[in-house]
């Protein structure tokens, strides 16, 4: 009985909905990755600026 229900639900669901969900997930992952890269880049830039500023103060 359970197997029949599972088979019916698998057949009744259109395959296209799964592919659209996957594409949405992929798109979301790409945007999250790009935001993460931007933040990482900004943090690295800030860190380098602080190091540069500290060196300048030491040399004075």
C-alpha atoms as a PDB file:
ATOM      1  CA  UNK A   1       0.000   0.000   0.000  1.00  0.00           C
ATOM      2  CA  UNK A   2       2.776   2.459   0.927  1.00  0.00           C
ATOM      3  CA  UNK A   3       4.743   1.595  -2.197  1.00  0.00           C
ATOM      4  CA  UNK A   4       1.711   2.361  -4.355  1.00  0.00           C
ATOM      5  CA  UNK A   5       1.282   5.776  -2.706  1.00  0.00           C
ATOM      6  CA  UNK A   6       4.950   6.620  -3.184  1.00  0.00           C
ATOM      7  CA  UNK A   7       4.817   5.549  -6.823  1.00  0.00           C
ATOM      8  CA  UNK A   8       1.662   7.611  -7.410  1.00  0.00           C
ATOM      9  CA  UNK A   9       3.116  10.712  -5.801  1.00  0.00           C
ATOM     10  CA  UNK A  10       6.316  10.342  -7.820  1.00  0.00           C
ATOM     11  CA  UNK A  11       4.345  10.023 -11.051  1.00  0.00           C
ATOM     12  CA  UNK A  12       1.893  12.806 -10.244  1.00  0.00           C
ATOM     13  CA  UNK A  13       4.626  15.388  -9.546  1.00  0.00           C
ATOM     14  CA  UNK A  14       5.831  17.063 -12.730  1.00  0.00           C
ATOM     15  CA  UNK A  15       9.560  16.785 -13.351  1.00  0.00           C
ATOM     16  CA  UNK A  16       9.740  20.453 -14.379  1.00  0.00           C
ATOM     17  CA  UNK A  17       8.992  21.685 -10.851  1.00  0.00           C
ATOM     18  CA  UNK A  18      12.046  19.855  -9.548  1.00  0.00           C
ATOM     19  CA  UNK A  19      14.295  21.367 -12.219  1.00  0.00           C
ATOM     20  CA  UNK A  20      13.016  24.880 -11.485  1.00  0.00           C
ATOM     21  CA  UNK A  21      13.673  24.350  -7.776  1.00  0.00           C
ATOM     22  CA  UNK A  22      17.211  23.226  -8.589  1.00  0.00           C
ATOM     23  CA  UNK A  23      17.835  26.255 -10.802  1.00  0.00           C
ATOM     24  CA  UNK A  24      16.528  28.549  -8.048  1.00  0.00           C
ATOM     25  CA  UNK A  25      18.832  26.886  -5.522  1.00  0.00           C
ATOM     26  CA  UNK A  26      21.782  27.212  -7.891  1.00  0.00           C
ATOM     27  CA  UNK A  27      20.997  30.884  -8.492  1.00  0.00           C
ATOM     28  CA  UNK A  28      20.721  31.484  -4.744  1.00  0.00           C
ATOM     29  CA  UNK A  29      24.053  29.722  -4.142  1.00  0.00           C
ATOM     30  CA  UNK A  30      25.746  31.819  -6.818  1.00  0.00           C
ATOM     31  CA  UNK A  31      24.473  35.079  -5.310  1.00  0.00           C
ATOM     32  CA  UNK A  32      25.488  33.987  -1.805  1.00  0.00           C
ATOM     33  CA  UNK A  33      28.946  33.061  -3.078  1.00  0.00           C
ATOM     34  CA  UNK A  34      29.404  36.402  -4.834  1.00  0.00           C
ATOM     35  CA  UNK A  35      28.285  38.311  -1.722  1.00  0.00           C
ATOM     36  CA  UNK A  36      30.669  36.227   0.378  1.00  0.00           C
ATOM     37  CA  UNK A  37      33.542  36.939  -2.033  1.00  0.00           C
ATOM     38  CA  UNK A  38      32.790  40.678  -1.916  1.00  0.00           C
ATOM     39  CA  UNK A  39      32.780  40.701   1.882  1.00  0.00           C
ATOM     40  CA  UNK A  40      35.995  38.689   1.987  1.00  0.00           C
ATOM     41  CA  UNK A  41      37.631  41.083  -0.481  1.00  0.00           C
ATOM     42  CA  UNK A  42      36.508  44.125   1.530  1.00  0.00           C
ATOM     43  CA  UNK A  43      37.813  42.614   4.765  1.00  0.00           C
ATOM     44  CA  UNK A  44      41.149  41.850   3.098  1.00  0.00           C
ATOM     45  CA  UNK A  45      41.345  45.404   1.755  1.00  0.00           C
ATOM     46  CA  UNK A  46      40.594  46.833   5.207  1.00  0.00           C
ATOM     47  CA  UNK A  47      43.207  44.584   6.813  1.00  0.00           C
ATOM     48  CA  UNK A  48      45.850  45.665   4.291  1.00  0.00           C
ATOM     49  CA  UNK A  49      44.981  49.312   4.881  1.00  0.00           C
ATOM     50  CA  UNK A  50      45.378  48.874   8.651  1.00  0.00           C
ATOM     51  CA  UNK A  51      48.755  47.181   8.190  1.00  0.00           C
ATOM     52  CA  UNK A  52      49.885  49.980   5.875  1.00  0.00           C
ATOM     53  CA  UNK A  53      48.722  52.631   8.351  1.00  0.00           C
ATOM     54  CA  UNK A  54      50.486  50.888  11.237  1.00  0.00           C
ATOM     55  CA  UNK A  55      53.745  50.671   9.283  1.00  0.00           C
ATOM     56  CA  UNK A  56      53.512  54.367   8.458  1.00  0.00           C
ATOM     57  CA  UNK A  57      53.024  55.224  12.132  1.00  0.00           C
ATOM     58  CA  UNK A  58      55.979  53.066  13.154  1.00  0.00           C
ATOM     59  CA  UNK A  59      58.246  54.704  10.581  1.00  0.00           C
ATOM     60  CA  UNK A  60      57.390  58.245  11.728  1.00  0.00           C
END
